[in-house]
Amino acid sequence: MSELNSQLFSAADSLRSKMDASEYKDYLLGLIFYKYLSDKLLVKVVELADESIEAYDTQIKQTELYRELLADEDVKDDLIETLVDTLGHHIEPDYLFNVLADEAKQNIFQLNDLNKAFVDLSTSYEQFSGLFDDVDLTSKKLGSDDQQRNITISDVLKKLSEIDVMGHDGDVIGDAYEFLIGEFASEAGKKAGEFYTPSKVSDMMAQIVALGQEDKKLFSVYDPTMGSGSLMLNVRNYLNYPESIKYHGQELNTTTYNLAKMNLILHGVRKEDMRLRNGDTLNKDWPTDEPYLFDSVLMNPPYSAKWSSDASFLDDSRFNRYGKLAPKSKADFAFLLHGFYHLKDSGTMAIVLPHGVLFRGAAEGVIRKKLLEDGSIDAVIGMPANLFFGTSIPTTVIILKKNRDNRDVFFIDASKEFEKGKNQNKLTKEHVTKIVDTYKKREDVEKFSHLATFEEIEENEFNLNIPRYVDTFEEEEPVDMAALGSSIKDIRQEKAASEKSLYETISSLQYDKENEEWIKGALEVFKRGE
């Protein structure tokens, strides 16, 4: 665990005994986010004042400079306007994170000041609206009265103040942020885990959807079940013009939607480059206005979730080409078809789903057959079990494309590509590289991959169960019966010698009347060979 991650995790100790992980992560993540906004503003102030960061190497000095500049009526308005233009926000000096943390160290911190800071940001700047709603500073779980709540939050502020947020680039901060989500997901189970995709799985999917599109100067990514937003963010690591990406995402859970907004801002995504919506992906299509087709679509939807599957959806342009709707009890194909509908003809889609989508029949079989007949399914990658928080089931990553010139499907069985962890199995960088390189080459590798023709898939009645195409059976080594017989003979001889020795030892024992019956009984047992 890195020093940064250790410090973040340490800050959780003040809340651990008061509430469960699914709740205290909201406080920590909200406060870390506020610290990031505050610390970034101070660094920007030094830059705008045309001063060196070496001369203003502490936040005390930076805050003093900020106060001096705001006290100058000729400078104040221009400074605030420039901060808002470049950062998207400004914070009054009295409400800066470091100022509040210093007050906490002096035991003069007031909860109302932090609350006012949140309210000011949320009401003044649209991108922060609702982002601090889950940091409930009036909750009795923080303490029975204002004084106790003050003490609890003061303790958290003091611990978080030790973190040098600006000493790392934005990606490291984002990684630490996702580390927290991951840590708390493992404690909180499905409550927290439902919005978290392990980073290496996310990384693998991002690499695949970026292939062949690296040089696009304008690139759009869409995640209709975006969770924390990590799937979308990872794509930029594999594009040559990452600053020009447009992020489009939707999330049903409001708390999780807010986390995704925070995560994108933490990674330096400008408000004009993100279009995010808090809503139900399946019941009402979004986006419906331009742009509604994207260069890449990435998804890790809730597995086998329930949905309405109302007959009216047969007229919906997302689903009407496939003859059937995904069943009410399993929305997996509804999510897949929604994402695929929003993919550009030149784009690539990657979606994580349970293995059942590969072989289940009825309506799902009809949809799968149509996708295969259209040549839409490019690859099927079998992932190891127990990779995701909240579920131990093995999953599959399906790669889809439009307008392919063939209908073959490339199968990769990566089910054994993992490192065993304490709670979850993990992919390593080497595992990801092996999977992506194999996907690029699209060649058969014994017991790992196979390029199946459409005719082969048709012969299998459009069943995509991976073992039908990639044989991973390992023959056991033949047993040497002669050696086995000899070994058994040796064991029997050793046993007989041990029993003889034990019989002789017991026979030579001196014993009194009280133990006579027991000793004779034991000797009888040895005589009978029991």
Protein backbone atom coordinates (compact mmCIF):
# COMPACT_ATOMS: atom_id res chain seq x y z
CA MET A 1 0.00 0.00 0.00
CA SER A 2 1.47 3.37 -1.02
CA GLU A 3 2.03 6.17 1.52
CA LEU A 4 -0.82 8.18 0.00
CA ASN A 5 -3.22 5.24 0.18
CA SER A 6 -2.17 4.51 3.77
CA GLN A 7 -2.90 8.10 4.79
CA LEU A 8 -6.30 8.03 3.14
CA PHE A 9 -7.16 4.73 4.75
CA SER A 10 -5.95 5.98 8.14
CA ALA A 11 -8.43 8.87 7.95
CA ALA A 12 -11.22 6.28 7.91
CA ASP A 13 -10.39 5.24 11.49
CA SER A 14 -12.24 8.25 12.90
CA LEU A 15 -15.48 7.06 11.29
CA ARG A 16 -15.09 3.28 11.28
CA SER A 17 -16.75 2.66 14.63
CA LYS A 18 -19.63 5.06 13.97
CA MET A 19 -21.09 3.77 10.68
CA ASP A 20 -20.60 1.06 8.10
CA ALA A 21 -18.22 1.37 5.17
CA SER A 22 -20.90 2.16 2.60
CA GLU A 23 -21.62 5.36 4.57
CA TYR A 24 -18.23 6.55 5.81
CA LYS A 25 -16.69 6.32 2.33
CA ASP A 26 -19.09 9.14 1.30
CA TYR A 27 -17.70 11.44 4.00
CA LEU A 28 -14.09 10.64 3.17
CA LEU A 29 -14.46 10.92 -0.58
CA GLY A 30 -16.39 14.19 -0.29
CA LEU A 31 -13.75 15.71 2.00
CA ILE A 32 -10.84 14.47 -0.15
CA PHE A 33 -12.54 16.02 -3.16
CA TYR A 34 -12.98 19.33 -1.32
CA LYS A 35 -9.30 19.27 -0.29
CA TYR A 36 -8.32 18.74 -3.92
CA LEU A 37 -10.40 21.75 -5.06
CA SER A 38 -8.97 23.90 -2.26
CA ASP A 39 -5.31 22.89 -2.67
CA LYS A 40 -5.48 23.25 -6.45
CA LEU A 41 -6.85 26.78 -6.06
CA LEU A 42 -3.91 27.83 -3.87
CA VAL A 43 -1.36 26.56 -6.40
CA LYS A 44 -3.23 28.44 -9.13
CA VAL A 45 -3.17 31.65 -7.07
CA VAL A 46 0.63 31.47 -6.83
CA GLU A 47 0.84 30.92 -10.59
CA LEU A 48 -1.54 33.83 -11.37
CA ALA A 49 0.46 36.12 -9.06
CA ASP A 50 3.50 35.25 -11.19
CA GLU A 51 5.31 33.97 -8.12
CA SER A 52 7.37 30.77 -7.81
CA ILE A 53 6.02 27.78 -5.92
CA GLU A 54 9.47 27.48 -4.32
CA ALA A 55 8.99 30.90 -2.68
CA TYR A 56 5.48 29.94 -1.56
CA ASP A 57 6.23 26.38 -0.54
CA THR A 58 3.70 26.07 2.29
CA GLN A 59 -0.05 26.44 2.31
CA ILE A 60 0.27 29.06 5.05
CA LYS A 61 2.31 31.27 2.69
CA GLN A 62 -0.02 30.52 -0.22
CA THR A 63 -3.08 31.46 1.86
CA GLU A 64 -1.45 34.71 3.01
CA LEU A 65 -0.74 35.61 -0.64
CA TYR A 66 -4.36 34.82 -1.54
CA ARG A 67 -5.67 37.06 1.26
CA GLU A 68 -3.35 39.91 0.20
CA LEU A 69 -4.49 39.71 -3.42
CA LEU A 70 -8.18 39.68 -2.44
CA ALA A 71 -7.61 42.69 -0.15
CA ASP A 72 -6.45 44.70 -3.19
CA GLU A 73 -9.63 46.10 -4.76
CA ASP A 74 -7.83 46.58 -8.09
CA VAL A 75 -6.93 42.89 -8.24
CA LYS A 76 -9.77 41.10 -6.43
CA ASP A 77 -12.44 40.92 -9.17
CA ASP A 78 -10.00 39.95 -11.92
CA LEU A 79 -8.45 37.26 -9.71
CA ILE A 80 -11.80 35.66 -8.86
CA GLU A 81 -12.91 35.82 -12.51
CA THR A 82 -9.68 34.20 -13.69
CA LEU A 83 -9.92 31.44 -11.06
CA VAL A 84 -13.48 30.67 -12.15
CA ASP A 85 -12.46 30.68 -15.84
CA THR A 86 -9.47 28.39 -15.36
CA LEU A 87 -10.55 26.12 -12.48
CA GLY A 88 -14.31 26.44 -12.66
CA HIS A 89 -14.60 27.65 -9.05
CA HIS A 90 -13.25 29.88 -6.31
CA ILE A 91 -13.28 29.47 -2.51
CA GLU A 92 -13.13 32.20 0.12
CA PRO A 93 -9.86 32.08 2.16
CA ASP A 94 -11.69 31.41 5.45
CA TYR A 95 -13.20 28.24 3.97
CA LEU A 96 -10.08 26.75 2.40
CA PHE A 97 -9.47 23.16 3.50
CA ASN A 98 -6.08 23.94 5.03
CA VAL A 99 -7.55 26.84 7.05
CA LEU A 100 -10.34 24.64 8.42
CA ALA A 101 -7.84 21.84 9.17
CA ASP A 102 -5.59 24.30 11.08
CA GLU A 103 -8.61 25.39 13.11
CA ALA A 104 -9.31 21.71 13.86
CA LYS A 105 -5.73 21.35 15.17
CA GLN A 106 -6.32 24.36 17.45
CA ASN A 107 -9.71 22.99 18.57
CA ILE A 108 -11.55 26.08 17.26
CA PHE A 109 -13.06 24.46 14.14
CA GLN A 110 -16.79 25.07 13.57
CA LEU A 111 -18.86 22.60 11.58
CA ASN A 112 -20.96 25.43 10.16
CA ASP A 113 -17.93 26.83 8.30
CA LEU A 114 -17.42 23.57 6.41
CA ASN A 115 -21.14 23.34 5.70
CA LYS A 116 -21.14 26.91 4.33
CA ALA A 117 -18.17 26.05 2.10
CA PHE A 118 -20.11 23.12 0.64
CA VAL A 119 -23.25 25.21 0.14
CA ASP A 120 -21.32 28.04 -1.55
CA LEU A 121 -19.71 25.68 -4.07
CA SER A 122 -22.90 23.72 -4.75
CA THR A 123 -25.07 26.78 -5.32
CA SER A 124 -22.55 28.95 -7.16
CA TYR A 125 -21.26 26.42 -9.68
CA GLU A 126 -23.50 24.00 -11.56
CA GLN A 127 -20.88 21.24 -11.84
CA PHE A 128 -20.78 20.92 -8.03
CA SER A 129 -24.55 20.81 -7.54
CA GLY A 130 -25.45 17.92 -5.22
CA LEU A 131 -21.88 16.63 -4.98
CA PHE A 132 -21.64 17.16 -1.21
CA ASP A 133 -25.16 15.98 -0.35
CA ASP A 134 -23.86 12.71 1.09
CA VAL A 135 -21.50 14.50 3.49
CA ASP A 136 -24.26 14.96 6.06
CA LEU A 137 -22.65 17.09 8.77
CA THR A 138 -25.83 16.96 10.90
CA SER A 139 -25.97 13.16 11.06
CA LYS A 140 -26.26 11.75 14.58
CA LYS A 141 -23.91 8.97 13.49
CA LEU A 142 -21.09 11.53 13.70
CA GLY A 143 -22.05 12.25 17.29
CA SER A 144 -25.07 12.82 19.50
CA ASP A 145 -24.69 16.63 19.54
CA ASP A 146 -22.91 19.43 17.66
CA GLN A 147 -19.88 19.25 19.92
CA GLN A 148 -19.37 15.52 19.32
CA ARG A 149 -19.91 15.93 15.57
CA ASN A 150 -17.38 18.77 15.60
CA ILE A 151 -14.81 16.51 17.27
CA THR A 152 -15.38 13.68 14.77
CA ILE A 153 -15.02 15.85 11.67
CA SER A 154 -12.07 17.73 13.21
CA ASP A 155 -10.25 14.42 13.59
CA VAL A 156 -10.88 13.51 9.95
CA LEU A 157 -9.75 16.95 8.74
CA LYS A 158 -6.50 16.68 10.72
CA LYS A 159 -5.67 13.30 9.19
CA LEU A 160 -6.55 14.32 5.64
CA SER A 161 -4.51 17.53 5.98
CA GLU A 162 -1.31 15.42 6.03
CA ILE A 163 -1.90 14.34 2.43
CA ASP A 164 0.07 16.25 -0.19
CA VAL A 165 -2.59 16.19 -2.91
CA MET A 166 -0.73 18.51 -5.26
CA GLY A 167 2.52 16.58 -4.87
CA HIS A 168 1.10 13.99 -7.26
CA ASP A 169 -0.30 14.33 -10.74
CA GLY A 170 -4.03 14.01 -11.33
CA ASP A 171 -3.85 10.35 -12.34
CA VAL A 172 -2.23 9.34 -9.05
CA ILE A 173 -4.91 11.21 -7.13
CA GLY A 174 -7.54 9.46 -9.22
CA ASP A 175 -5.88 6.12 -8.54
CA ALA A 176 -5.87 6.82 -4.79
CA TYR A 177 -9.51 7.82 -5.05
CA GLU A 178 -10.34 4.52 -6.72
CA PHE A 179 -8.23 2.71 -4.12
CA LEU A 180 -10.57 4.07 -1.45
CA ILE A 181 -13.63 2.95 -3.39
CA GLY A 182 -12.07 -0.49 -3.72
CA GLU A 183 -11.10 -0.75 -0.08
CA PHE A 184 -14.53 0.27 1.11
CA ALA A 185 -16.23 -1.93 -1.42
CA SER A 186 -14.44 -4.94 0.05
CA GLU A 187 -15.76 -4.00 3.50
CA ALA A 188 -19.22 -2.87 2.50
CA GLY A 189 -19.87 -5.68 0.05
CA LYS A 190 -22.33 -5.15 -2.74
CA LYS A 191 -23.53 -1.76 -1.46
CA ALA A 192 -20.24 -0.16 -2.42
CA GLY A 193 -18.99 -2.70 -4.92
CA GLU A 194 -21.79 -2.16 -7.42
CA PHE A 195 -20.07 0.91 -8.84
CA TYR A 196 -16.50 -0.31 -8.90
CA THR A 197 -14.69 -2.09 -11.75
CA PRO A 198 -11.25 -3.43 -10.76
CA SER A 199 -8.62 -1.21 -12.37
CA LYS A 200 -6.86 -3.94 -14.37
CA VAL A 201 -10.15 -5.17 -15.88
CA SER A 202 -10.98 -1.57 -16.72
CA ASP A 203 -7.49 -1.13 -18.19
CA MET A 204 -7.84 -4.21 -20.41
CA MET A 205 -11.20 -3.05 -21.78
CA ALA A 206 -9.88 0.47 -22.40
CA GLN A 207 -6.90 -0.84 -24.38
CA ILE A 208 -9.15 -2.96 -26.60
CA VAL A 209 -11.70 -0.23 -27.44
CA ALA A 210 -8.87 2.21 -28.25
CA LEU A 211 -7.18 -0.15 -30.76
CA GLY A 212 -7.12 1.37 -34.23
CA GLN A 213 -8.53 4.66 -32.95
CA GLU A 214 -5.42 6.01 -31.20
CA ASP A 215 -4.88 8.90 -33.62
CA LYS A 216 -8.40 10.35 -33.61
CA LYS A 217 -8.17 14.04 -32.75
CA LEU A 218 -11.75 14.04 -31.49
CA PHE A 219 -12.80 11.00 -29.51
CA SER A 220 -16.02 10.20 -27.66
CA VAL A 221 -16.58 7.58 -24.98
CA TYR A 222 -19.91 6.46 -23.52
CA ASP A 223 -20.71 4.41 -20.42
CA PRO A 224 -24.47 4.03 -19.79
CA THR A 225 -23.85 2.36 -16.39
CA MET A 226 -20.84 4.48 -15.48
CA GLY A 227 -20.49 3.81 -11.75
CA SER A 228 -17.37 5.67 -10.58
CA GLY A 229 -16.45 6.62 -14.16
CA SER A 230 -13.18 4.65 -14.15
CA LEU A 231 -13.97 2.73 -17.35
CA MET A 232 -14.34 5.97 -19.32
CA LEU A 233 -11.30 7.59 -17.76
CA ASN A 234 -8.96 4.71 -18.55
CA VAL A 235 -9.44 5.12 -22.32
CA ARG A 236 -7.42 8.31 -22.37
CA ASN A 237 -4.29 6.39 -21.37
CA TYR A 238 -4.28 4.76 -24.83
CA LEU A 239 -5.09 7.70 -27.10
CA ASN A 240 -2.65 10.18 -28.65
CA TYR A 241 -4.95 13.17 -28.03
CA PRO A 242 -6.33 12.50 -24.51
CA GLU A 243 -7.15 16.18 -23.90
CA SER A 244 -9.81 16.13 -26.65
CA ILE A 245 -11.96 13.27 -25.29
CA LYS A 246 -15.65 13.91 -24.67
CA TYR A 247 -17.09 11.85 -21.80
CA HIS A 248 -20.75 10.77 -21.84
CA GLY A 249 -22.17 8.73 -18.98
CA GLN A 250 -25.35 7.78 -17.17
CA GLU A 251 -25.88 6.33 -13.69
CA LEU A 252 -29.08 5.41 -11.86
CA ASN A 253 -27.79 5.70 -8.27
CA THR A 254 -27.53 9.38 -7.29
CA THR A 255 -24.67 8.91 -4.81
CA THR A 256 -22.69 6.95 -7.39
CA TYR A 257 -23.49 9.53 -10.08
CA ASN A 258 -21.99 12.21 -7.83
CA LEU A 259 -18.90 10.06 -7.25
CA ALA A 260 -18.39 9.78 -11.01
CA LYS A 261 -18.61 13.57 -11.39
CA MET A 262 -16.04 14.01 -8.63
CA ASN A 263 -13.78 11.39 -10.22
CA LEU A 264 -13.82 13.11 -13.61
CA ILE A 265 -13.10 16.50 -12.04
CA LEU A 266 -10.27 14.94 -9.98
CA HIS A 267 -8.80 13.69 -13.24
CA GLY A 268 -8.84 17.20 -14.68
CA VAL A 269 -11.81 16.75 -17.04
CA ARG A 270 -13.33 20.14 -17.87
CA LYS A 271 -17.07 20.62 -17.40
CA GLU A 272 -17.56 21.26 -21.13
CA ASP A 273 -15.99 17.85 -21.89
CA MET A 274 -18.38 15.84 -19.74
CA ARG A 275 -22.05 15.15 -20.32
CA LEU A 276 -23.37 13.07 -17.43
CA ARG A 277 -26.93 12.14 -16.49
CA ASN A 278 -28.51 10.73 -13.34
CA GLY A 279 -31.17 8.39 -14.72
CA ASP A 280 -32.39 4.91 -15.70
CA THR A 281 -30.53 3.64 -18.76
CA LEU A 282 -33.04 1.03 -19.90
CA ASN A 283 -36.46 2.58 -19.26
CA LYS A 284 -35.75 5.73 -21.26
CA ASP A 285 -33.12 6.01 -23.96
CA TRP A 286 -30.37 8.60 -23.48
CA PRO A 287 -28.82 10.43 -25.16
CA THR A 288 -31.37 10.99 -27.92
CA ASP A 289 -29.97 14.27 -29.26
CA GLU A 290 -26.63 14.77 -30.99
CA PRO A 291 -24.17 13.30 -30.31
CA TYR A 292 -25.80 9.95 -29.57
CA LEU A 293 -23.25 7.70 -31.33
CA PHE A 294 -19.78 7.22 -29.84
CA ASP A 295 -16.29 6.00 -30.79
CA SER A 296 -16.22 3.64 -27.84
CA VAL A 297 -18.80 2.19 -25.48
CA LEU A 298 -17.69 0.61 -22.19
CA MET A 299 -20.05 -1.06 -19.72
CA ASN A 300 -20.06 -3.08 -16.52
CA PRO A 301 -23.81 -3.19 -15.82
CA PRO A 302 -25.47 -4.90 -12.83
CA TYR A 303 -25.56 -8.62 -13.63
CA SER A 304 -28.89 -10.31 -14.37
CA ALA A 305 -30.84 -7.31 -13.05
CA LYS A 306 -34.62 -7.10 -13.32
CA TRP A 307 -36.25 -4.70 -15.78
CA SER A 308 -39.77 -4.12 -17.09
CA SER A 309 -39.31 -5.88 -20.48
CA ASP A 310 -42.58 -4.18 -21.49
CA ALA A 311 -43.88 -5.12 -24.96
CA SER A 312 -43.72 -1.43 -25.95
CA PHE A 313 -39.91 -1.80 -26.06
CA LEU A 314 -40.32 -3.93 -29.21
CA ASP A 315 -40.86 -0.61 -31.02
CA ASP A 316 -37.80 0.95 -29.39
CA SER A 317 -35.02 1.51 -31.95
CA ARG A 318 -32.50 0.03 -29.51
CA PHE A 319 -34.23 -3.37 -29.43
CA ASN A 320 -36.57 -3.68 -32.43
CA ARG A 321 -34.07 -5.42 -34.76
CA TYR A 322 -33.63 -8.49 -32.57
CA GLY A 323 -37.08 -10.09 -32.53
CA LYS A 324 -37.24 -10.58 -28.76
CA LEU A 325 -36.68 -8.58 -25.59
CA ALA A 326 -34.33 -9.60 -22.78
CA PRO A 327 -36.38 -11.45 -20.11
CA LYS A 328 -37.72 -9.51 -17.12
CA SER A 329 -35.48 -11.40 -14.70
CA LYS A 330 -32.27 -10.86 -16.71
CA ALA A 331 -31.62 -7.46 -18.29
CA ASP A 332 -28.12 -8.44 -19.50
CA PHE A 333 -28.96 -8.31 -23.21
CA ALA A 334 -31.04 -5.15 -22.76
CA PHE A 335 -27.92 -3.39 -21.45
CA LEU A 336 -25.79 -4.85 -24.25
CA LEU A 337 -28.20 -3.77 -27.00
CA HIS A 338 -28.59 -0.29 -25.50
CA GLY A 339 -24.81 0.23 -25.56
CA PHE A 340 -24.43 -1.30 -29.03
CA TYR A 341 -27.12 0.99 -30.45
CA HIS A 342 -25.06 4.02 -29.36
CA LEU A 343 -21.83 2.76 -30.97
CA LYS A 344 -20.51 4.42 -34.14
CA ASP A 345 -20.01 2.24 -37.24
CA SER A 346 -16.25 2.67 -36.80
CA GLY A 347 -16.26 2.17 -33.02
CA THR A 348 -15.62 -0.66 -30.55
CA MET A 349 -17.68 -1.74 -27.54
CA ALA A 350 -16.61 -3.78 -24.49
CA ILE A 351 -19.10 -5.03 -21.90
CA VAL A 352 -18.72 -7.23 -18.80
CA LEU A 353 -21.53 -9.76 -18.29
CA PRO A 354 -22.12 -13.11 -16.55
CA HIS A 355 -21.36 -16.25 -18.59
CA GLY A 356 -25.06 -17.09 -18.93
CA VAL A 357 -25.42 -14.67 -21.85
CA LEU A 358 -23.17 -16.96 -23.89
CA PHE A 359 -25.43 -20.01 -23.78
CA ARG A 360 -28.87 -19.32 -22.28
CA GLY A 361 -31.75 -20.08 -24.63
CA ALA A 362 -35.28 -18.70 -25.19
CA ALA A 363 -35.36 -14.93 -25.89
CA GLU A 364 -31.65 -14.54 -25.10
CA GLY A 365 -30.82 -17.26 -27.63
CA VAL A 366 -32.81 -15.42 -30.32
CA ILE A 367 -30.98 -12.12 -29.60
CA ARG A 368 -27.57 -13.83 -29.54
CA LYS A 369 -28.25 -15.58 -32.87
CA LYS A 370 -29.20 -12.28 -34.55
CA LEU A 371 -26.04 -10.59 -33.23
CA LEU A 372 -23.93 -13.45 -34.59
CA GLU A 373 -25.70 -13.48 -37.96
CA ASP A 374 -25.02 -9.74 -38.24
CA GLY A 375 -21.33 -10.30 -37.39
CA SER A 376 -21.66 -7.95 -34.41
CA ILE A 377 -19.81 -10.10 -31.86
CA ASP A 378 -16.08 -9.68 -32.44
CA ALA A 379 -14.62 -11.50 -29.42
CA VAL A 380 -15.53 -13.32 -26.21
CA ILE A 381 -13.03 -13.21 -23.32
CA GLY A 382 -13.60 -15.49 -20.34
CA MET A 383 -12.41 -13.83 -17.11
CA PRO A 384 -11.37 -15.46 -13.79
CA ALA A 385 -13.87 -15.99 -10.98
CA ASN A 386 -13.93 -13.74 -7.91
CA LEU A 387 -12.50 -10.63 -9.62
CA PHE A 388 -15.31 -8.24 -8.72
CA PHE A 389 -16.48 -6.89 -5.37
CA GLY A 390 -19.87 -8.21 -4.31
CA THR A 391 -19.87 -11.32 -6.51
CA SER A 392 -17.58 -14.33 -6.93
CA ILE A 393 -19.00 -15.51 -10.28
CA PRO A 394 -16.74 -15.70 -13.33
CA THR A 395 -17.54 -13.08 -15.94
CA THR A 396 -17.04 -12.60 -19.66
CA VAL A 397 -16.00 -9.49 -21.57
CA ILE A 398 -17.76 -9.33 -24.94
CA ILE A 399 -16.29 -7.14 -27.69
CA LEU A 400 -18.74 -5.84 -30.31
CA LYS A 401 -18.30 -3.96 -33.61
CA LYS A 402 -20.55 -2.81 -36.44
CA ASN A 403 -20.09 -3.44 -40.20
CA ARG A 404 -17.40 -6.11 -39.87
CA ASP A 405 -16.41 -7.85 -43.11
CA ASN A 406 -16.75 -11.33 -41.57
CA ARG A 407 -18.71 -13.16 -38.90
CA ASP A 408 -16.01 -15.09 -37.06
CA VAL A 409 -15.66 -14.80 -33.29
CA PHE A 410 -12.36 -14.82 -31.40
CA PHE A 411 -12.45 -16.70 -28.09
CA ILE A 412 -9.95 -16.18 -25.25
CA ASP A 413 -10.10 -18.30 -22.10
CA ALA A 414 -8.35 -16.11 -19.50
CA SER A 415 -10.04 -17.85 -16.56
CA LYS A 416 -6.69 -19.00 -15.15
CA GLU A 417 -4.96 -15.63 -15.63
CA PHE A 418 -5.03 -14.24 -12.10
CA GLU A 419 -3.08 -13.70 -8.92
CA LYS A 420 -4.82 -14.97 -5.81
CA GLY A 421 -5.64 -12.20 -3.33
CA LYS A 422 -6.92 -12.18 0.24
CA ASN A 423 -10.51 -11.29 -0.66
CA GLN A 424 -10.51 -11.04 -4.44
CA ASN A 425 -8.47 -12.52 -7.24
CA LYS A 426 -6.50 -9.93 -9.22
CA LEU A 427 -5.31 -9.44 -12.77
CA THR A 428 -1.71 -8.28 -13.04
CA LYS A 429 -0.23 -6.04 -15.73
CA GLU A 430 1.31 -9.16 -17.30
CA HIS A 431 -2.09 -10.88 -17.50
CA VAL A 432 -3.63 -7.84 -19.19
CA THR A 433 -0.76 -7.62 -21.69
CA LYS A 434 -1.12 -11.31 -22.56
CA ILE A 435 -4.88 -10.97 -23.16
CA VAL A 436 -4.61 -7.77 -25.24
CA ASP A 437 -1.68 -9.07 -27.32
CA THR A 438 -3.57 -12.29 -28.02
CA TYR A 439 -6.66 -10.28 -29.01
CA LYS A 440 -4.59 -8.19 -31.45
CA LYS A 441 -3.03 -11.23 -33.15
CA ARG A 442 -6.35 -13.09 -33.39
CA GLU A 443 -4.56 -16.43 -33.67
CA ASP A 444 -5.14 -19.80 -32.04
CA VAL A 445 -3.07 -20.46 -28.92
CA GLU A 446 -3.34 -23.95 -27.45
CA LYS A 447 -5.58 -24.02 -24.37
CA PHE A 448 -5.95 -20.22 -24.47
CA SER A 449 -7.55 -18.88 -27.66
CA HIS A 450 -9.39 -19.91 -30.82
CA LEU A 451 -10.73 -18.10 -33.88
CA ALA A 452 -14.10 -19.71 -34.59
CA THR A 453 -15.71 -19.44 -38.02
CA PHE A 454 -19.40 -18.60 -38.35
CA GLU A 455 -19.98 -22.16 -39.63
CA GLU A 456 -18.40 -23.57 -36.47
CA ILE A 457 -20.64 -21.38 -34.32
CA GLU A 458 -23.68 -22.39 -36.39
CA GLU A 459 -22.82 -26.07 -35.83
CA ASN A 460 -22.82 -25.31 -32.09
CA GLU A 461 -26.35 -23.86 -32.47
CA PHE A 462 -25.08 -20.34 -31.68
CA ASN A 463 -23.96 -21.41 -28.23
CA LEU A 464 -20.88 -19.36 -27.28
CA ASN A 465 -19.90 -21.28 -24.16
CA ILE A 466 -16.12 -20.91 -24.19
CA PRO A 467 -15.15 -24.58 -23.47
CA ARG A 468 -16.83 -25.51 -26.78
CA TYR A 469 -14.15 -23.55 -28.61
CA VAL A 470 -11.10 -23.48 -26.32
CA ASP A 471 -10.15 -26.88 -24.91
CA THR A 472 -8.37 -26.34 -21.60
CA PHE A 473 -8.57 -30.01 -20.53
CA GLU A 474 -5.33 -31.15 -18.92
CA GLU A 475 -4.66 -34.89 -19.15
CA GLU A 476 -3.49 -36.44 -15.92
CA GLU A 477 -0.13 -38.20 -16.05
CA PRO A 478 -0.56 -42.00 -16.41
CA VAL A 479 -0.18 -43.88 -13.15
CA ASP A 480 2.82 -46.28 -12.92
CA MET A 481 0.99 -49.29 -11.48
CA ALA A 482 4.20 -51.28 -10.83
CA ALA A 483 5.69 -48.41 -8.82
CA LEU A 484 2.39 -47.93 -6.98
CA GLY A 485 2.27 -51.68 -6.08
CA SER A 486 5.87 -51.57 -4.84
CA SER A 487 5.09 -48.48 -2.73
CA ILE A 488 2.06 -50.17 -1.15
CA LYS A 489 4.18 -53.26 -0.37
CA ASP A 490 6.81 -51.06 1.35
CA ILE A 491 4.13 -49.28 3.38
CA ARG A 492 2.68 -52.61 4.55
CA GLN A 493 6.10 -53.86 5.62
CA GLU A 494 6.77 -50.62 7.55
CA LYS A 495 3.36 -50.95 9.21
CA ALA A 496 4.03 -54.57 10.24
CA ALA A 497 7.46 -53.64 11.67
CA SER A 498 5.96 -50.73 13.63
CA GLU A 499 3.22 -52.94 15.08
CA LYS A 500 5.74 -55.63 16.08
CA SER A 501 7.91 -53.03 17.82
CA LEU A 502 4.91 -51.55 19.64
CA TYR A 503 3.72 -55.08 20.72
CA GLU A 504 7.15 -55.83 22.15
CA THR A 505 7.26 -52.48 23.99
CA ILE A 506 3.82 -53.03 25.58
CA SER A 507 4.73 -56.67 26.49
CA SER A 508 7.83 -55.51 28.37
CA LEU A 509 5.96 -52.96 30.45
CA GLN A 510 5.77 -53.35 34.24
CA TYR A 511 2.22 -52.83 35.42
CA ASP A 512 0.16 -53.08 38.56
CA LYS A 513 -3.13 -54.93 39.16
CA GLU A 514 -5.16 -51.83 38.35
CA ASN A 515 -3.82 -51.66 34.75
CA GLU A 516 -3.55 -55.41 34.12
CA GLU A 517 -6.89 -55.73 32.32
CA TRP A 518 -6.14 -52.74 30.02
CA ILE A 519 -2.67 -54.05 29.05
CA LYS A 520 -3.96 -57.57 28.29
CA GLY A 521 -6.75 -56.07 26.16
CA ALA A 522 -4.24 -54.03 24.14
CA LEU A 523 -2.06 -57.09 23.52
CA GLU A 524 -5.13 -59.06 22.34
CA VAL A 525 -5.88 -56.32 19.80
CA PHE A 526 -2.37 -56.60 18.33
CA LYS A 527 -2.65 -60.44 18.14
CA ARG A 528 -5.89 -60.15 16.15
CA GLY A 529 -4.28 -57.57 13.83
CA GLU A 530 -6.82 -54.87 14.56
